[in-house]
């Protein structure tokens, strides 16, 4: 699913490639400009979530709370790995509501160049970008009342 969202980033010309620099520029543009075409971009991302039966806000919350720690434990990553730093940074981003461009840029910077090439390390950054958009455009896609939060 994350790779499909990245495909939307690229096909919508928000990213030219999957580099840290491109991600930083994209998040600054998305949160600073609020262009009207970003709504259709968000709708395209939402279609990816819908395809899998998720919504950005619910799925992202579960991922942010579970995934970095689980990967650190199961893959036996060291406490100085990018995932460790990401997991620490994500709690501040959640508390802020994914609105602070500086914190998002910091999250990207905390990920080493080598790690950033791997989807497992970009996943939380992709979801932070989506959560930021969800704060702006999410009201057009309300959570279903019968949504299964245990997924």
Protein backbone atom coordinates (compact mmCIF):
# COMPACT_ATOMS: atom_id res chain seq x y z
CA UNK A 1 0.00 0.00 0.00
CA UNK A 2 2.82 2.42 0.86
CA UNK A 3 4.42 1.90 -2.55
CA UNK A 4 1.06 2.65 -4.20
CA UNK A 5 0.82 5.90 -2.26
CA UNK A 6 4.32 6.80 -3.39
CA UNK A 7 3.21 6.08 -6.95
CA UNK A 8 0.45 8.66 -6.45
CA UNK A 9 3.05 11.14 -5.15
CA UNK A 10 5.11 10.63 -8.31
CA UNK A 11 2.25 10.47 -10.83
CA UNK A 12 0.80 13.67 -9.34
CA UNK A 13 4.20 15.37 -9.78
CA UNK A 14 4.53 15.98 -6.03
CA UNK A 15 7.75 13.95 -6.05
CA UNK A 16 10.27 13.59 -8.87
CA UNK A 17 11.99 10.72 -7.08
CA UNK A 18 12.02 9.11 -3.63
CA UNK A 19 14.88 11.13 -2.15
CA UNK A 20 14.92 12.85 1.22
CA UNK A 21 15.23 16.24 -0.49
CA UNK A 22 12.12 15.60 -2.61
CA UNK A 23 10.13 14.51 0.46
CA UNK A 24 11.16 17.65 2.38
CA UNK A 25 10.20 19.88 -0.54
CA UNK A 26 6.87 18.07 -0.99
CA UNK A 27 5.82 18.43 2.65
CA UNK A 28 6.74 22.11 2.71
CA UNK A 29 4.71 22.70 -0.45
CA UNK A 30 1.71 20.69 0.73
CA UNK A 31 1.46 22.30 4.15
CA UNK A 32 2.42 25.82 3.14
CA UNK A 33 0.51 26.39 -0.07
CA UNK A 34 -2.76 24.48 0.25
CA UNK A 35 -3.41 24.50 -3.49
CA UNK A 36 -6.78 23.46 -4.81
CA UNK A 37 -5.22 20.66 -6.87
CA UNK A 38 -3.97 19.12 -3.63
CA UNK A 39 -7.57 18.08 -2.90
CA UNK A 40 -7.67 15.85 -5.99
CA UNK A 41 -4.21 14.56 -5.03
CA UNK A 42 -5.59 13.67 -1.58
CA UNK A 43 -8.61 12.00 -3.20
CA UNK A 44 -6.25 9.81 -5.25
CA UNK A 45 -4.42 8.79 -2.07
CA UNK A 46 -7.73 8.09 -0.35
CA UNK A 47 -8.65 5.70 -3.20
CA UNK A 48 -5.56 3.64 -2.35
CA UNK A 49 -6.68 3.41 1.30
CA UNK A 50 -10.23 2.60 0.24
CA UNK A 51 -8.95 -0.22 -1.96
CA UNK A 52 -7.59 -1.91 1.17
CA UNK A 53 -10.59 -1.04 3.36
CA UNK A 54 -8.78 1.54 5.49
CA UNK A 55 -9.02 5.24 6.18
CA UNK A 56 -5.90 7.40 6.60
CA UNK A 57 -6.60 8.57 10.14
CA UNK A 58 -7.40 5.15 11.61
CA UNK A 59 -4.74 3.18 9.77
CA UNK A 60 -2.01 5.74 10.36
CA UNK A 61 -2.70 5.89 14.10
CA UNK A 62 -2.27 2.12 14.38
CA UNK A 63 0.88 2.14 12.24
CA UNK A 64 2.51 4.98 14.19
CA UNK A 65 1.90 3.26 17.50
CA UNK A 66 2.82 -0.29 16.52
CA UNK A 67 5.13 -0.55 13.53
CA UNK A 68 8.42 1.17 14.38
CA UNK A 69 8.64 -0.57 17.74
CA UNK A 70 7.62 -3.96 16.33
CA UNK A 71 10.21 -3.72 13.57
CA UNK A 72 12.90 -2.67 16.05
CA UNK A 73 12.17 -5.76 18.14
CA UNK A 74 11.62 -8.36 15.41
CA UNK A 75 14.45 -7.23 13.15
CA UNK A 76 16.77 -6.61 16.12
CA UNK A 77 17.64 -3.08 15.05
CA UNK A 78 19.95 -1.17 17.33
CA UNK A 79 18.73 1.71 19.43
CA UNK A 80 20.76 4.08 17.25
CA UNK A 81 18.93 3.06 14.06
CA UNK A 82 16.72 5.33 11.99
CA UNK A 83 13.64 3.42 13.17
CA UNK A 84 14.43 4.16 16.80
CA UNK A 85 14.77 7.87 16.09
CA UNK A 86 11.62 7.80 13.94
CA UNK A 87 9.60 6.13 16.70
CA UNK A 88 10.65 8.85 19.14
CA UNK A 89 9.84 11.63 16.67
CA UNK A 90 6.44 10.22 15.70
CA UNK A 91 4.94 10.73 19.15
CA UNK A 92 5.69 14.47 18.95
CA UNK A 93 4.20 14.64 15.48
CA UNK A 94 1.05 12.87 16.62
CA UNK A 95 0.65 15.20 19.58
CA UNK A 96 1.02 18.15 17.23
CA UNK A 97 -1.55 16.74 14.79
CA UNK A 98 0.97 16.36 11.95
CA UNK A 99 0.85 20.09 11.26
CA UNK A 100 4.38 21.18 12.16
CA UNK A 101 6.50 21.33 9.00
CA UNK A 102 9.66 21.62 11.09
CA UNK A 103 8.94 18.39 12.97
CA UNK A 104 8.16 16.56 9.74
CA UNK A 105 11.40 17.79 8.16
CA UNK A 106 13.21 16.64 11.31
CA UNK A 107 11.66 13.17 10.96
CA UNK A 108 12.98 12.99 7.40
CA UNK A 109 16.42 14.21 8.50
CA UNK A 110 16.61 11.59 11.27
CA UNK A 111 16.54 8.84 8.64
CA UNK A 112 19.95 8.01 7.21
CA UNK A 113 20.42 8.24 3.43
CA UNK A 114 21.05 4.50 3.26
CA UNK A 115 17.91 3.66 5.25
CA UNK A 116 15.77 6.13 3.29
CA UNK A 117 16.26 4.00 0.18
CA UNK A 118 14.23 1.21 1.84
CA UNK A 119 10.44 1.38 1.98
CA UNK A 120 10.30 0.20 5.60
CA UNK A 121 12.10 3.39 6.63
CA UNK A 122 10.05 5.67 4.36
CA UNK A 123 6.70 4.18 5.39
CA UNK A 124 6.17 6.35 8.47
CA UNK A 125 7.20 9.43 6.50
CA UNK A 126 4.72 8.60 3.75
CA UNK A 127 1.99 8.21 6.36
CA UNK A 128 2.93 11.49 8.05
CA UNK A 129 2.48 13.21 4.69
CA UNK A 130 -0.92 11.55 4.27
CA UNK A 131 -1.93 12.45 7.84
CA UNK A 132 -1.02 16.06 7.18
CA UNK A 133 -3.23 16.05 4.10
CA UNK A 134 -5.96 14.26 6.03
CA UNK A 135 -5.99 17.16 8.51
CA UNK A 136 -6.70 19.53 5.64
CA UNK A 137 -8.98 17.49 3.36
CA UNK A 138 -10.15 14.54 5.48
CA UNK A 139 -13.58 15.95 6.27
CA UNK A 140 -14.62 15.09 2.72
CA UNK A 141 -14.07 11.40 3.56
CA UNK A 142 -15.64 10.76 6.98
CA UNK A 143 -14.90 7.54 8.91
CA UNK A 144 -17.69 5.00 8.53
CA UNK A 145 -19.63 4.38 11.71
CA UNK A 146 -19.25 0.60 11.35
CA UNK A 147 -15.47 0.75 10.79
CA UNK A 148 -13.59 -2.13 12.44
CA UNK A 149 -10.92 -0.40 14.55
CA UNK A 150 -9.30 -3.73 15.52
CA UNK A 151 -7.65 -4.18 12.09
